[in-house]
PDB file of N, CA and C in Angstrom:
ATOM      1  N   MET A   1      41.792 -49.311  -6.154  1.00  0.00           N
ATOM      2  CA  MET A   1      41.258 -47.809  -7.241  1.00  0.00           C
ATOM      3  C   MET A   1      40.753 -47.173  -6.131  1.00  0.00           C
ATOM      4  N   ASP A   2      41.314 -46.108  -6.467  1.00  0.00           N
ATOM      5  CA  ASP A   2      40.601 -44.756  -4.852  1.00  0.00           C
ATOM      6  C   ASP A   2      39.112 -44.410  -5.961  1.00  0.00           C
ATOM      7  N   ARG A   3      38.041 -44.715  -4.923  1.00  0.00           N
ATOM      8  CA  ARG A   3      36.852 -43.742  -5.398  1.00  0.00           C
ATOM      9  C   ARG A   3      37.286 -42.449  -5.678  1.00  0.00           C
ATOM     10  N   ILE A   4      35.759 -42.041  -6.979  1.00  0.00           N
ATOM     11  CA  ILE A   4      36.131 -40.223  -7.193  1.00  0.00           C
ATOM     12  C   ILE A   4      34.528 -39.941  -6.448  1.00  0.00           C
ATOM     13  N   LYS A   5      34.644 -38.667  -5.451  1.00  0.00           N
ATOM     14  CA  LYS A   5      33.363 -37.680  -5.507  1.00  0.00           C
ATOM     15  C   LYS A   5      33.252 -37.094  -6.155  1.00  0.00           C
ATOM     16  N   GLY A   6      31.589 -37.247  -6.556  1.00  0.00           N
ATOM     17  CA  GLY A   6      30.693 -36.677  -7.233  1.00  0.00           C
ATOM     18  C   GLY A   6      30.744 -37.251  -8.842  1.00  0.00           C
ATOM     19  N   ASP A   7      30.352 -36.376  -9.840  1.00  0.00           N
ATOM     20  CA  ASP A   7      29.799 -36.923 -11.003  1.00  0.00           C
ATOM     21  C   ASP A   7      30.378 -35.606 -11.805  1.00  0.00           C
ATOM     22  N   GLN A   8      31.614 -35.833 -12.817  1.00  0.00           N
ATOM     23  CA  GLN A   8      32.175 -34.975 -13.963  1.00  0.00           C
ATOM     24  C   GLN A   8      30.788 -33.977 -14.351  1.00  0.00           C
ATOM     25  N   ARG A   9      30.026 -34.681 -15.160  1.00  0.00           N
ATOM     26  CA  ARG A   9      29.601 -33.836 -15.883  1.00  0.00           C
ATOM     27  C   ARG A   9      28.590 -33.220 -15.204  1.00  0.00           C
ATOM     28  N   ILE A  10      28.211 -33.331 -13.519  1.00  0.00           N
ATOM     29  CA  ILE A  10      27.347 -32.523 -12.909  1.00  0.00           C
ATOM     30  C   ILE A  10      28.250 -31.693 -11.833  1.00  0.00           C
ATOM     31  N   LEU A  11      29.172 -32.080 -11.478  1.00  0.00           N
ATOM     32  CA  LEU A  11      29.743 -31.015 -10.579  1.00  0.00           C
ATOM     33  C   LEU A  11      31.288 -30.776 -10.785  1.00  0.00           C
ATOM     34  N   GLY A  12      32.034 -31.614 -11.968  1.00  0.00           N
ATOM     35  CA  GLY A  12      33.094 -31.036 -12.263  1.00  0.00           C
ATOM     36  C   GLY A  12      34.443 -31.952 -11.946  1.00  0.00           C
ATOM     37  N   ARG A  13      35.384 -31.874 -11.809  1.00  0.00           N
ATOM     38  CA  ARG A  13      36.721 -32.444 -11.634  1.00  0.00           C
ATOM     39  C   ARG A  13      36.665 -32.841  -9.888  1.00  0.00           C
ATOM     40  N   SER A  14      36.831 -33.939  -9.360  1.00  0.00           N
ATOM     41  CA  SER A  14      36.291 -34.641  -8.323  1.00  0.00           C
ATOM     42  C   SER A  14      37.342 -33.413  -7.350  1.00  0.00           C
ATOM     43  N   ASP A  15      38.674 -32.892  -7.469  1.00  0.00           N
ATOM     44  CA  ASP A  15      39.560 -31.906  -6.699  1.00  0.00           C
ATOM     45  C   ASP A  15      38.504 -30.387  -6.311  1.00  0.00           C
ATOM     46  N   PHE A  16      37.951 -30.252  -7.382  1.00  0.00           N
ATOM     47  CA  PHE A  16      36.487 -29.378  -6.838  1.00  0.00           C
ATOM     48  C   PHE A  16      35.731 -29.729  -5.927  1.00  0.00           C
ATOM     49  N   VAL A  17      35.428 -31.010  -6.466  1.00  0.00           N
ATOM     50  CA  VAL A  17      34.392 -31.862  -5.236  1.00  0.00           C
ATOM     51  C   VAL A  17      34.824 -31.848  -3.525  1.00  0.00           C
ATOM     52  N   MET A  18      36.086 -32.253  -3.567  1.00  0.00           N
ATOM     53  CA  MET A  18      36.932 -32.463  -2.814  1.00  0.00           C
ATOM     54  C   MET A  18      37.023 -31.166  -1.938  1.00  0.00           C
ATOM     55  N   GLU A  19      37.992 -29.867  -2.409  1.00  0.00           N
ATOM     56  CA  GLU A  19      37.810 -28.783  -1.983  1.00  0.00           C
ATOM     57  C   GLU A  19      36.570 -28.269  -1.438  1.00  0.00           C
ATOM     58  N   ILE A  20      35.279 -28.440  -1.977  1.00  0.00           N
ATOM     59  CA  ILE A  20      34.001 -28.169  -1.540  1.00  0.00           C
ATOM     60  C   ILE A  20      33.539 -28.843  -0.486  1.00  0.00           C
ATOM     61  N   LEU A  21      33.946 -29.824  -0.596  1.00  0.00           N
ATOM     62  CA  LEU A  21      33.765 -31.033   1.087  1.00  0.00           C
ATOM     63  C   LEU A  21      34.474 -30.064   2.079  1.00  0.00           C
ATOM     64  N   GLU A  22      35.862 -30.332   1.738  1.00  0.00           N
ATOM     65  CA  GLU A  22      36.770 -29.538   2.882  1.00  0.00           C
ATOM     66  C   GLU A  22      36.492 -28.418   3.137  1.00  0.00           C
ATOM     67  N   GLN A  23      35.755 -27.135   2.861  1.00  0.00           N
ATOM     68  CA  GLN A  23      35.498 -26.077   3.143  1.00  0.00           C
ATOM     69  C   GLN A  23      34.359 -26.244   4.008  1.00  0.00           C
ATOM     70  N   ALA A  24      33.031 -26.851   3.397  1.00  0.00           N
ATOM     71  CA  ALA A  24      32.181 -27.528   4.414  1.00  0.00           C
ATOM     72  C   ALA A  24      32.362 -27.757   6.092  1.00  0.00           C
ATOM     73  N   LYS A  25      33.449 -28.860   5.797  1.00  0.00           N
ATOM     74  CA  LYS A  25      34.044 -29.452   7.339  1.00  0.00           C
ATOM     75  C   LYS A  25      34.406 -28.559   7.685  1.00  0.00           C
ATOM     76  N   GLU A  26      35.233 -27.423   7.586  1.00  0.00           N
ATOM     77  CA  GLU A  26      35.887 -26.202   8.210  1.00  0.00           C
ATOM     78  C   GLU A  26      35.032 -25.392   8.957  1.00  0.00           C
ATOM     79  N   ARG A  27      33.779 -25.245   7.870  1.00  0.00           N
ATOM     80  CA  ARG A  27      33.030 -24.390   8.693  1.00  0.00           C
ATOM     81  C   ARG A  27      31.872 -24.783   9.918  1.00  0.00           C
ATOM     82  N   PHE A  28      31.763 -26.336   9.259  1.00  0.00           N
ATOM     83  CA  PHE A  28      31.071 -27.103  10.503  1.00  0.00           C
ATOM     84  C   PHE A  28      31.727 -27.632  12.064  1.00  0.00           C
ATOM     85  N   GLU A  29      32.920 -27.637  11.913  1.00  0.00           N
ATOM     86  CA  GLU A  29      34.468 -27.731  12.808  1.00  0.00           C
ATOM     87  C   GLU A  29      34.644 -26.750  13.391  1.00  0.00           C
ATOM     88  N   ARG A  30      34.116 -25.201  12.704  1.00  0.00           N
ATOM     89  CA  ARG A  30      34.487 -23.990  13.246  1.00  0.00           C
ATOM     90  C   ARG A  30      33.059 -23.678  13.981  1.00  0.00           C
ATOM     91  N   SER A  31      32.023 -23.901  13.820  1.00  0.00           N
ATOM     92  CA  SER A  31      30.441 -23.755  14.466  1.00  0.00           C
ATOM     93  C   SER A  31      30.892 -24.609  15.747  1.00  0.00           C
ATOM     94  N   TYR A  32      30.975 -25.826  15.630  1.00  0.00           N
ATOM     95  CA  TYR A  32      30.413 -26.659  16.814  1.00  0.00           C
ATOM     96  C   TYR A  32      31.624 -26.296  17.429  1.00  0.00           C
ATOM     97  N   GLU A  33      33.156 -25.946  17.675  1.00  0.00           N
ATOM     98  CA  GLU A  33      33.990 -24.667  18.122  1.00  0.00           C
ATOM     99  C   GLU A  33      33.098 -24.257  18.750  1.00  0.00           C
ATOM    100  N   LEU A  34      32.699 -22.767  18.307  1.00  0.00           N
ATOM    101  CA  LEU A  34      32.384 -21.724  18.824  1.00  0.00           C
ATOM    102  C   LEU A  34      30.977 -21.920  19.913  1.00  0.00           C
ATOM    103  N   GLN A  35      29.896 -23.449  19.631  1.00  0.00           N
ATOM    104  CA  GLN A  35      28.869 -23.960  20.386  1.00  0.00           C
ATOM    105  C   GLN A  35      29.310 -24.353  21.437  1.00  0.00           C
ATOM    106  N   GLN A  36      30.591 -25.081  21.741  1.00  0.00           N
ATOM    107  CA  GLN A  36      31.654 -25.562  22.458  1.00  0.00           C
ATOM    108  C   GLN A  36      32.172 -24.356  23.858  1.00  0.00           C
ATOM    109  N   GLN A  37      32.154 -23.619  23.383  1.00  0.00           N
ATOM    110  CA  GLN A  37      32.406 -22.484  23.939  1.00  0.00           C
ATOM    111  C   GLN A  37      31.246 -20.901  24.757  1.00  0.00           C
ATOM    112  N   HIS A  38      29.965 -22.279  24.128  1.00  0.00           N
ATOM    113  CA  HIS A  38      28.825 -21.158  24.405  1.00  0.00           C
ATOM    114  C   HIS A  38      28.695 -19.830  24.210  1.00  0.00           C
ATOM    115  N   ILE A  39      29.040 -20.068  22.671  1.00  0.00           N
ATOM    116  CA  ILE A  39      29.116 -18.810  22.077  1.00  0.00           C
ATOM    117  C   ILE A  39      27.666 -18.741  20.831  1.00  0.00           C
ATOM    118  N   ASP A  40      26.876 -17.972  21.244  1.00  0.00           N
ATOM    119  CA  ASP A  40      25.292 -18.002  20.442  1.00  0.00           C
ATOM    120  C   ASP A  40      25.181 -17.007  19.941  1.00  0.00           C
ATOM    121  N   LEU A  41      23.867 -16.557  19.535  1.00  0.00           N
ATOM    122  CA  LEU A  41      23.558 -15.234  18.799  1.00  0.00           C
ATOM    123  C   LEU A  41      23.340 -14.385  19.783  1.00  0.00           C
ATOM    124  N   SER A  42      22.917 -14.551  21.029  1.00  0.00           N
ATOM    125  CA  SER A  42      22.904 -13.647  21.851  1.00  0.00           C
ATOM    126  C   SER A  42      24.470 -13.155  23.031  1.00  0.00           C
ATOM    127  N   PHE A  43      25.177 -13.889  22.564  1.00  0.00           N
ATOM    128  CA  PHE A  43      26.736 -13.775  22.915  1.00  0.00           C
ATOM    129  C   PHE A  43      27.331 -12.538  21.750  1.00  0.00           C
ATOM    130  N   ILE A  44      26.560 -13.058  20.449  1.00  0.00           N
ATOM    131  CA  ILE A  44      26.981 -12.239  19.182  1.00  0.00           C
ATOM    132  C   ILE A  44      26.312 -10.472  19.637  1.00  0.00           C
ATOM    133  N   ALA A  45      25.287 -10.730  19.442  1.00  0.00           N
ATOM    134  CA  ALA A  45      24.333  -9.983  19.392  1.00  0.00           C
ATOM    135  C   ALA A  45      25.225  -8.638  20.406  1.00  0.00           C
ATOM    136  N   LYS A  46      25.931  -9.061  21.958  1.00  0.00           N
ATOM    137  CA  LYS A  46      26.168  -7.966  22.989  1.00  0.00           C
ATOM    138  C   LYS A  46      27.655  -7.826  22.664  1.00  0.00           C
ATOM    139  N   LYS A  47      28.565  -8.637  21.555  1.00  0.00           N
ATOM    140  CA  LYS A  47      29.476  -8.227  21.063  1.00  0.00           C
ATOM    141  C   LYS A  47      29.763  -7.364  20.185  1.00  0.00           C
ATOM    142  N   ALA A  48      29.171  -7.501  19.185  1.00  0.00           N
ATOM    143  CA  ALA A  48      28.847  -6.542  18.047  1.00  0.00           C
ATOM    144  C   ALA A  48      27.784  -5.132  18.805  1.00  0.00           C
ATOM    145  N   ALA A  49      27.104  -4.994  19.248  1.00  0.00           N
ATOM    146  CA  ALA A  49      26.433  -4.477  19.718  1.00  0.00           C
ATOM    147  C   ALA A  49      27.816  -3.046  20.775  1.00  0.00           C
ATOM    148  N   SER A  50      28.651  -3.822  21.632  1.00  0.00           N
ATOM    149  CA  SER A  50      29.872  -3.322  22.072  1.00  0.00           C
ATOM    150  C   SER A  50      30.335  -2.618  21.204  1.00  0.00           C
ATOM    151  N   ILE A  51      30.905  -3.181  20.572  1.00  0.00           N
ATOM    152  CA  ILE A  51      31.883  -2.748  20.269  1.00  0.00           C
ATOM    153  C   ILE A  51      31.582  -1.691  19.216  1.00  0.00           C
ATOM    154  N   PHE A  52      30.223  -0.877  18.881  1.00  0.00           N
ATOM    155  CA  PHE A  52      29.630   0.137  17.975  1.00  0.00           C
ATOM    156  C   PHE A  52      29.378   0.646  19.242  1.00  0.00           C
ATOM    157  N   LYS A  53      29.263   0.765  20.677  1.00  0.00           N
ATOM    158  CA  LYS A  53      28.782   1.450  21.724  1.00  0.00           C
ATOM    159  C   LYS A  53      27.054   1.696  21.486  1.00  0.00           C
ATOM    160  N   ASN A  54      26.554  -0.021  21.342  1.00  0.00           N
ATOM    161  CA  ASN A  54      25.024   0.406  21.121  1.00  0.00           C
ATOM    162  C   ASN A  54      24.565  -0.528  22.635  1.00  0.00           C
ATOM    163  N   GLU A  55      23.151  -0.642  22.191  1.00  0.00           N
ATOM    164  CA  GLU A  55      23.099  -2.044  23.123  1.00  0.00           C
ATOM    165  C   GLU A  55      22.579  -3.068  22.687  1.00  0.00           C
ATOM    166  N   PRO A  56      22.493  -4.560  22.789  1.00  0.00           N
ATOM    167  CA  PRO A  56      22.227  -5.589  21.980  1.00  0.00           C
ATOM    168  C   PRO A  56      20.632  -5.122  21.348  1.00  0.00           C
ATOM    169  N   LYS A  57      19.714  -4.634  22.064  1.00  0.00           N
ATOM    170  CA  LYS A  57      18.751  -4.586  21.387  1.00  0.00           C
ATOM    171  C   LYS A  57      18.826  -3.674  20.342  1.00  0.00           C
ATOM    172  N   GLU A  58      19.287  -2.587  20.264  1.00  0.00           N
ATOM    173  CA  GLU A  58      19.397  -2.106  19.056  1.00  0.00           C
ATOM    174  C   GLU A  58      19.494  -2.727  17.584  1.00  0.00           C
ATOM    175  N   ILE A  59      20.594  -3.498  17.861  1.00  0.00           N
ATOM    176  CA  ILE A  59      20.287  -4.752  16.773  1.00  0.00           C
ATOM    177  C   ILE A  59      18.966  -4.694  15.950  1.00  0.00           C
ATOM    178  N   PHE A  60      18.452  -5.244  16.881  1.00  0.00           N
ATOM    179  CA  PHE A  60      16.868  -5.825  16.124  1.00  0.00           C
ATOM    180  C   PHE A  60      15.944  -4.609  16.079  1.00  0.00           C
ATOM    181  N   ILE A  61      16.727  -3.634  15.643  1.00  0.00           N
ATOM    182  CA  ILE A  61      15.656  -2.268  15.395  1.00  0.00           C
ATOM    183  C   ILE A  61      16.139  -1.741  14.263  1.00  0.00           C
ATOM    184  N   LYS A  62      15.331  -1.490  13.085  1.00  0.00           N
ATOM    185  CA  LYS A  62      15.645  -1.232  11.954  1.00  0.00           C
ATOM    186  C   LYS A  62      16.012   0.237  11.938  1.00  0.00           C
ATOM    187  N   SER A  63      17.452   0.356  11.162  1.00  0.00           N
ATOM    188  CA  SER A  63      17.837   1.727  11.421  1.00  0.00           C
ATOM    189  C   SER A  63      18.780   2.277  10.439  1.00  0.00           C
ATOM    190  N   ARG A  64      19.121   3.680  10.183  1.00  0.00           N
ATOM    191  CA  ARG A  64      20.014   3.880   9.150  1.00  0.00           C
ATOM    192  C   ARG A  64      21.196   4.311   9.807  1.00  0.00           C
ATOM    193  N   ILE A  65      20.972   5.095  11.218  1.00  0.00           N
ATOM    194  CA  ILE A  65      21.868   5.178  11.863  1.00  0.00           C
ATOM    195  C   ILE A  65      23.490   4.212  11.532  1.00  0.00           C
ATOM    196  N   GLN A  66      24.120   5.009  11.226  1.00  0.00           N
ATOM    197  CA  GLN A  66      25.664   4.343  11.367  1.00  0.00           C
ATOM    198  C   GLN A  66      25.987   3.216  12.387  1.00  0.00           C
ATOM    199  N   PRO A  67      26.378   3.835  13.255  1.00  0.00           N
ATOM    200  CA  PRO A  67      26.529   2.584  14.319  1.00  0.00           C
ATOM    201  C   PRO A  67      25.951   1.454  14.417  1.00  0.00           C
ATOM    202  N   ARG A  68      24.594   1.204  14.536  1.00  0.00           N
ATOM    203  CA  ARG A  68      23.188   0.741  14.782  1.00  0.00           C
ATOM    204  C   ARG A  68      23.557  -0.093  13.345  1.00  0.00           C
ATOM    205  N   ALA A  69      23.362   0.267  12.441  1.00  0.00           N
ATOM    206  CA  ALA A  69      23.711  -0.449  11.182  1.00  0.00           C
ATOM    207  C   ALA A  69      25.251  -1.167  10.934  1.00  0.00           C
ATOM    208  N   ASP A  70      25.888  -0.679  11.626  1.00  0.00           N
ATOM    209  CA  ASP A  70      27.049  -1.521  11.383  1.00  0.00           C
ATOM    210  C   ASP A  70      27.243  -2.554  12.248  1.00  0.00           C
ATOM    211  N   ALA A  71      26.850  -2.214  13.820  1.00  0.00           N
ATOM    212  CA  ALA A  71      26.345  -3.868  14.862  1.00  0.00           C
ATOM    213  C   ALA A  71      25.460  -4.484  13.887  1.00  0.00           C
ATOM    214  N   ARG A  72      24.147  -3.669  13.531  1.00  0.00           N
ATOM    215  CA  ARG A  72      23.406  -5.324  12.843  1.00  0.00           C
ATOM    216  C   ARG A  72      24.203  -6.010  11.444  1.00  0.00           C
ATOM    217  N   ALA A  73      25.270  -5.150  10.924  1.00  0.00           N
ATOM    218  CA  ALA A  73      26.210  -5.818   9.611  1.00  0.00           C
ATOM    219  C   ALA A  73      26.759  -7.120  10.539  1.00  0.00           C
ATOM    220  N   LEU A  74      27.666  -6.472  11.575  1.00  0.00           N
ATOM    221  CA  LEU A  74      28.438  -7.423  11.914  1.00  0.00           C
ATOM    222  C   LEU A  74      27.979  -8.800  12.570  1.00  0.00           C
ATOM    223  N   TYR A  75      27.160  -8.352  12.953  1.00  0.00           N
ATOM    224  CA  TYR A  75      25.805  -9.496  13.800  1.00  0.00           C
ATOM    225  C   TYR A  75      25.604 -10.340  12.547  1.00  0.00           C
ATOM    226  N   CYS A  76      25.127  -9.622  11.409  1.00  0.00           N
ATOM    227  CA  CYS A  76      24.703 -10.925  10.440  1.00  0.00           C
ATOM    228  C   CYS A  76      25.724 -11.646   9.944  1.00  0.00           C
ATOM    229  N   PHE A  77      26.802 -11.102   9.586  1.00  0.00           N
ATOM    230  CA  PHE A  77      28.243 -11.614   9.686  1.00  0.00           C
ATOM    231  C   PHE A  77      28.438 -12.923  10.130  1.00  0.00           C
ATOM    232  N   TRP A  78      28.775 -12.448  11.764  1.00  0.00           N
ATOM    233  CA  TRP A  78      29.128 -13.419  12.181  1.00  0.00           C
ATOM    234  C   TRP A  78      28.632 -14.620  12.824  1.00  0.00           C
ATOM    235  N   ALA A  79      27.231 -14.033  12.690  1.00  0.00           N
ATOM    236  CA  ALA A  79      25.922 -15.653  12.857  1.00  0.00           C
ATOM    237  C   ALA A  79      26.074 -16.445  11.515  1.00  0.00           C
ATOM    238  N   VAL A  80      26.319 -15.263  10.218  1.00  0.00           N
ATOM    239  CA  VAL A  80      25.701 -16.737   9.026  1.00  0.00           C
ATOM    240  C   VAL A  80      27.638 -17.358   8.927  1.00  0.00           C
ATOM    241  N   ARG A  81      28.356 -16.325   9.130  1.00  0.00           N
ATOM    242  CA  ARG A  81      29.351 -17.006   8.422  1.00  0.00           C
ATOM    243  C   ARG A  81      30.446 -17.821   9.722  1.00  0.00           C
ATOM    244  N   GLU A  82      30.084 -16.856  10.611  1.00  0.00           N
ATOM    245  CA  GLU A  82      30.776 -17.787  12.014  1.00  0.00           C
ATOM    246  C   GLU A  82      29.746 -19.496  12.810  1.00  0.00           C
ATOM    247  N   LEU A  83      28.562 -19.179  13.306  1.00  0.00           N
ATOM    248  CA  LEU A  83      28.091 -20.065  13.769  1.00  0.00           C
ATOM    249  C   LEU A  83      27.555 -20.634  12.501  1.00  0.00           C
ATOM    250  N   ASP A  84      26.886 -20.370  11.180  1.00  0.00           N
ATOM    251  CA  ASP A  84      26.591 -21.289  10.020  1.00  0.00           C
ATOM    252  C   ASP A  84      25.360 -21.228   9.977  1.00  0.00           C
ATOM    253  N   ARG A  85      24.264 -20.568  10.762  1.00  0.00           N
ATOM    254  CA  ARG A  85      23.213 -19.717  10.456  1.00  0.00           C
ATOM    255  C   ARG A  85      22.694 -19.708   9.171  1.00  0.00           C
ATOM    256  N   SER A  86      21.457 -19.741   8.871  1.00  0.00           N
ATOM    257  CA  SER A  86      21.002 -19.688   7.402  1.00  0.00           C
ATOM    258  C   SER A  86      20.417 -18.202   7.582  1.00  0.00           C
ATOM    259  N   LEU A  87      20.359 -17.966   6.355  1.00  0.00           N
ATOM    260  CA  LEU A  87      20.028 -16.395   5.992  1.00  0.00           C
ATOM    261  C   LEU A  87      18.820 -16.618   6.436  1.00  0.00           C
ATOM    262  N   SER A  88      18.069 -17.082   6.314  1.00  0.00           N
ATOM    263  CA  SER A  88      16.424 -17.408   6.494  1.00  0.00           C
ATOM    264  C   SER A  88      15.891 -17.083   7.868  1.00  0.00           C
ATOM    265  N   ASP A  89      16.841 -17.641   8.979  1.00  0.00           N
ATOM    266  CA  ASP A  89      16.761 -17.909  10.569  1.00  0.00           C
ATOM    267  C   ASP A  89      17.007 -16.066  11.091  1.00  0.00           C
ATOM    268  N   ILE A  90      18.096 -15.806  10.212  1.00  0.00           N
ATOM    269  CA  ILE A  90      18.868 -14.272  10.427  1.00  0.00           C
ATOM    270  C   ILE A  90      17.873 -13.782  10.310  1.00  0.00           C
ATOM    271  N   ALA A  91      16.835 -13.717   8.967  1.00  0.00           N
ATOM    272  CA  ALA A  91      16.102 -12.711   8.413  1.00  0.00           C
ATOM    273  C   ALA A  91      14.938 -12.700   9.489  1.00  0.00           C
ATOM    274  N   LYS A  92      14.347 -14.103  10.265  1.00  0.00           N
ATOM    275  CA  LYS A  92      12.833 -14.357  10.932  1.00  0.00           C
ATOM    276  C   LYS A  92      14.002 -13.142  12.176  1.00  0.00           C
ATOM    277  N   ALA A  93      14.599 -13.751  12.643  1.00  0.00           N
ATOM    278  CA  ALA A  93      15.193 -13.003  13.825  1.00  0.00           C
ATOM    279  C   ALA A  93      15.006 -11.314  13.704  1.00  0.00           C
ATOM    280  N   LEU A  94      15.579 -10.744  12.708  1.00  0.00           N
ATOM    281  CA  LEU A  94      15.897  -9.600  12.518  1.00  0.00           C
ATOM    282  C   LEU A  94      14.362  -8.613  11.624  1.00  0.00           C
ATOM    283  N   ASN A  95      13.611  -9.860  11.665  1.00  0.00           N
ATOM    284  CA  ASN A  95      12.212  -9.061  10.826  1.00  0.00           C
ATOM    285  C   ASN A  95      12.791  -8.353   9.811  1.00  0.00           C
ATOM    286  N   THR A  96      12.986  -8.789   8.657  1.00  0.00           N
ATOM    287  CA  THR A  96      13.887  -8.430   7.522  1.00  0.00           C
ATOM    288  C   THR A  96      14.038  -9.542   6.696  1.00  0.00           C
ATOM    289  N   THR A  97      14.067  -9.533   4.960  1.00  0.00           N
ATOM    290  CA  THR A  97      14.517 -10.225   3.953  1.00  0.00           C
ATOM    291  C   THR A  97      16.117 -10.846   4.323  1.00  0.00           C
ATOM    292  N   THR A  98      15.901 -12.410   3.267  1.00  0.00           N
ATOM    293  CA  THR A  98      16.890 -12.715   3.510  1.00  0.00           C
ATOM    294  C   THR A  98      18.274 -12.394   2.771  1.00  0.00           C
ATOM    295  N   SER A  99      17.344 -11.423   1.484  1.00  0.00           N
ATOM    296  CA  SER A  99      18.388 -10.375   0.635  1.00  0.00           C
ATOM    297  C   SER A  99      18.845  -9.132   1.156  1.00  0.00           C
ATOM    298  N   GLY A 100      18.189  -8.921   2.668  1.00  0.00           N
ATOM    299  CA  GLY A 100      18.912  -7.651   3.345  1.00  0.00           C
ATOM    300  C   GLY A 100      20.047  -8.307   4.441  1.00  0.00           C
ATOM    301  N   VAL A 101      19.739  -9.405   5.000  1.00  0.00           N
ATOM    302  CA  VAL A 101      20.299 -10.042   5.513  1.00  0.00           C
ATOM    303  C   VAL A 101      22.511 -10.517   4.517  1.00  0.00           C
ATOM    304  N   ALA A 102      21.603 -10.903   3.509  1.00  0.00           N
ATOM    305  CA  ALA A 102      23.431 -11.242   2.388  1.00  0.00           C
ATOM    306  C   ALA A 102      23.480  -9.853   2.153  1.00  0.00           C
ATOM    307  N   TYR A 103      23.170  -8.758   2.028  1.00  0.00           N
ATOM    308  CA  TYR A 103      23.931  -7.495   2.111  1.00  0.00           C
ATOM    309  C   TYR A 103      24.364  -7.055   3.203  1.00  0.00           C
ATOM    310  N   ALA A 104      24.132  -7.304   4.143  1.00  0.00           N
ATOM    311  CA  ALA A 104      24.541  -7.016   5.794  1.00  0.00           C
ATOM    312  C   ALA A 104      25.763  -8.406   6.260  1.00  0.00           C
ATOM    313  N   VAL A 105      25.868  -9.451   5.343  1.00  0.00           N
ATOM    314  CA  VAL A 105      26.876 -10.160   5.654  1.00  0.00           C
ATOM    315  C   VAL A 105      28.164  -9.438   4.601  1.00  0.00           C
ATOM    316  N   GLN A 106      27.707  -9.130   3.486  1.00  0.00           N
ATOM    317  CA  GLN A 106      28.703  -8.644   2.768  1.00  0.00           C
ATOM    318  C   GLN A 106      29.317  -7.382   3.721  1.00  0.00           C
ATOM    319  N   LYS A 107      28.746  -6.449   4.080  1.00  0.00           N
ATOM    320  CA  LYS A 107      29.067  -4.910   4.921  1.00  0.00           C
ATOM    321  C   LYS A 107      29.743  -5.911   6.102  1.00  0.00           C
ATOM    322  N   GLY A 108      29.465  -6.551   6.709  1.00  0.00           N
ATOM    323  CA  GLY A 108      29.922  -7.119   8.116  1.00  0.00           C
ATOM    324  C   GLY A 108      31.482  -7.611   7.552  1.00  0.00           C
ATOM    325  N   GLU A 109      31.551  -8.810   6.407  1.00  0.00           N
ATOM    326  CA  GLU A 109      32.411  -8.611   5.946  1.00  0.00           C
ATOM    327  C   GLU A 109      33.783  -7.845   5.562  1.00  0.00           C
ATOM    328  N   VAL A 110      33.010  -7.159   5.192  1.00  0.00           N
ATOM    329  CA  VAL A 110      33.945  -5.590   4.914  1.00  0.00           C
ATOM    330  C   VAL A 110      34.449  -4.521   6.504  1.00  0.00           C
ATOM    331  N   LEU A 111      33.745  -5.005   7.005  1.00  0.00           N
ATOM    332  CA  LEU A 111      34.068  -4.381   8.332  1.00  0.00           C
ATOM    333  C   LEU A 111      35.293  -5.360   9.251  1.00  0.00           C
ATOM    334  N   VAL A 112      34.754  -6.529   9.277  1.00  0.00           N
ATOM    335  CA  VAL A 112      35.998  -7.637   9.885  1.00  0.00           C
ATOM    336  C   VAL A 112      37.090  -7.038   9.462  1.00  0.00           C
ATOM    337  N   LYS A 113      37.141  -7.252   8.234  1.00  0.00           N
ATOM    338  CA  LYS A 113      38.406  -6.741   7.528  1.00  0.00           C
ATOM    339  C   LYS A 113      39.174  -5.440   7.834  1.00  0.00           C
ATOM    340  N   LYS A 114      38.661  -4.252   7.587  1.00  0.00           N
ATOM    341  CA  LYS A 114      39.121  -2.779   7.705  1.00  0.00           C
ATOM    342  C   LYS A 114      39.127  -2.610   9.407  1.00  0.00           C
ATOM    343  N   LYS A 115      38.526  -3.448  10.300  1.00  0.00           N
ATOM    344  CA  LYS A 115      38.740  -3.024  11.461  1.00  0.00           C
ATOM    345  C   LYS A 115      39.523  -4.273  12.411  1.00  0.00           C
ATOM    346  N   GLY A 116      39.784  -5.338  11.792  1.00  0.00           N
ATOM    347  CA  GLY A 116      40.449  -6.247  11.869  1.00  0.00           C
ATOM    348  C   GLY A 116      39.833  -6.856  13.478  1.00  0.00           C
ATOM    349  N   LEU A 117      38.220  -7.199  13.216  1.00  0.00           N
ATOM    350  CA  LEU A 117      37.317  -7.858  14.539  1.00  0.00           C
ATOM    351  C   LEU A 117      37.534  -9.188  14.515  1.00  0.00           C
ATOM    352  N   GLN A 118      37.506  -9.616  15.601  1.00  0.00           N
ATOM    353  CA  GLN A 118      37.099 -11.037  16.002  1.00  0.00           C
ATOM    354  C   GLN A 118      36.145 -11.107  16.466  1.00  0.00           C
ATOM    355  N   LEU A 119      35.616 -12.314  16.514  1.00  0.00           N
ATOM    356  CA  LEU A 119      34.424 -12.456  17.368  1.00  0.00           C
ATOM    357  C   LEU A 119      34.485 -12.881  18.959  1.00  0.00           C
ATOM    358  N   VAL A 120      35.900 -14.118  18.755  1.00  0.00           N
ATOM    359  CA  VAL A 120      36.234 -14.443  19.600  1.00  0.00           C
ATOM    360  C   VAL A 120      38.169 -14.192  19.820  1.00  0.00           C
ATOM    361  N   ASP A 121      38.683 -13.509  20.825  1.00  0.00           N
ATOM    362  CA  ASP A 121      39.969 -13.307  20.804  1.00  0.00           C
ATOM    363  C   ASP A 121      40.903 -14.227  21.144  1.00  0.00           C
TER     364      ASP A 121
END
């Protein structure tokens, strides 16, 4: 008999638990792969800034100027979703709140889909 991961009373059906575990594994593997390619927060800042014709240091300055805000959103998205960094770590680096970073991640996701952007070619 196969062992079932999870407790149905708490987490629901085991296929749901397995799906969540698989997603976590994929995120971890993607993050590890990028780290092996020496892709870090500095690389992401340079890449996001260059796409919107900014300097990397401008990402760390609060601004509502559209190209800067877009570069910052893209930085947040890639840092959180690709490098699997926590919202609080990115919030500290940007001197903002975790909810601000969460909003920027959503905005960054829209930019990635709309413009077809990729962190690594």
